[in-house]
Amino acid sequence: MRLVYIKRTTKNERRYNPKMGMFSAKVTYIKRYVLGFPTRTLHKYRETYYGKVKSCEDCVLAH
């Protein structure tokens, strides 16, 4: 087992954008793991319907 590694995971999340409203998007997380435990999220992004990749900083999680 490696001590430090990077893993990419994708999951569906409900997001809210003021212009679009609520929508469901596939969000990809790139995380760093140390001894099998996630320590930090390096980057997260989502892919739009048209194939464009956007950062998740422009949309807010809905409560």
Protein backbone atom coordinates (compact mmCIF):
# COMPACT_ATOMS: atom_id res chain seq x y z
CA MET A 1 0.00 0.00 0.00
CA ARG A 2 1.29 3.42 -0.93
CA LEU A 3 1.62 6.07 1.75
CA VAL A 4 0.51 9.07 -0.32
CA TYR A 5 -1.65 8.87 -3.44
CA ILE A 6 -4.17 10.92 -5.42
CA LYS A 7 -7.61 9.59 -6.34
CA ARG A 8 -10.34 10.95 -8.61
CA THR A 9 -14.01 10.19 -7.85
CA THR A 10 -17.21 11.27 -9.58
CA LYS A 11 -20.67 11.53 -8.06
CA ASN A 12 -23.98 13.20 -8.86
CA GLU A 13 -24.81 16.28 -6.81
CA ARG A 14 -27.68 18.73 -6.76
CA ARG A 15 -26.39 22.23 -7.40
CA TYR A 16 -27.95 25.69 -7.53
CA ASN A 17 -27.01 28.48 -9.88
CA PRO A 18 -28.88 31.82 -9.75
CA LYS A 19 -29.26 31.90 -13.56
CA MET A 20 -30.26 28.23 -14.04
CA GLY A 21 -31.88 27.29 -10.74
CA MET A 22 -31.57 23.74 -9.38
CA PHE A 23 -29.82 21.15 -11.51
CA SER A 24 -28.11 17.80 -11.11
CA ALA A 25 -24.46 17.64 -12.19
CA LYS A 26 -21.69 15.07 -12.18
CA VAL A 27 -19.01 16.54 -9.91
CA THR A 28 -15.47 15.14 -9.99
CA TYR A 29 -13.29 15.43 -6.89
CA ILE A 30 -9.51 15.09 -6.95
CA LYS A 31 -8.38 14.22 -3.41
CA ARG A 32 -5.05 13.45 -1.77
CA TYR A 33 -4.95 10.44 0.54
CA VAL A 34 -2.36 9.68 3.22
CA LEU A 35 -2.37 6.16 4.67
CA GLY A 36 -5.80 5.59 3.10
CA PHE A 37 -7.46 8.63 4.70
CA PRO A 38 -8.48 11.69 2.65
CA THR A 39 -6.48 14.71 3.79
CA ARG A 40 -7.31 17.41 1.29
CA THR A 41 -9.41 18.16 -1.79
CA LEU A 42 -7.07 19.46 -4.46
CA HIS A 43 -9.69 20.38 -7.08
CA LYS A 44 -13.34 19.82 -7.92
CA TYR A 45 -14.99 20.43 -11.24
CA ARG A 46 -18.13 19.58 -13.16
CA GLU A 47 -18.88 18.87 -16.79
CA THR A 48 -21.74 20.70 -18.48
CA TYR A 49 -24.29 19.21 -20.86
CA TYR A 50 -22.26 20.49 -23.81
CA GLY A 51 -18.99 18.91 -22.63
CA LYS A 52 -17.43 22.08 -21.24
CA VAL A 53 -15.55 21.68 -17.94
CA LYS A 54 -16.31 24.27 -15.23
CA SER A 55 -14.99 24.80 -11.74
CA CYS A 56 -17.47 24.33 -8.91
CA GLU A 57 -16.71 27.75 -7.43
CA ASP A 58 -19.46 29.46 -9.46
CA CYS A 59 -22.37 27.40 -8.09
CA VAL A 60 -23.47 26.91 -4.50
CA LEU A 61 -24.69 23.72 -2.82
CA ALA A 62 -28.41 23.79 -2.14
CA HIS A 63 -29.66 23.22 1.41
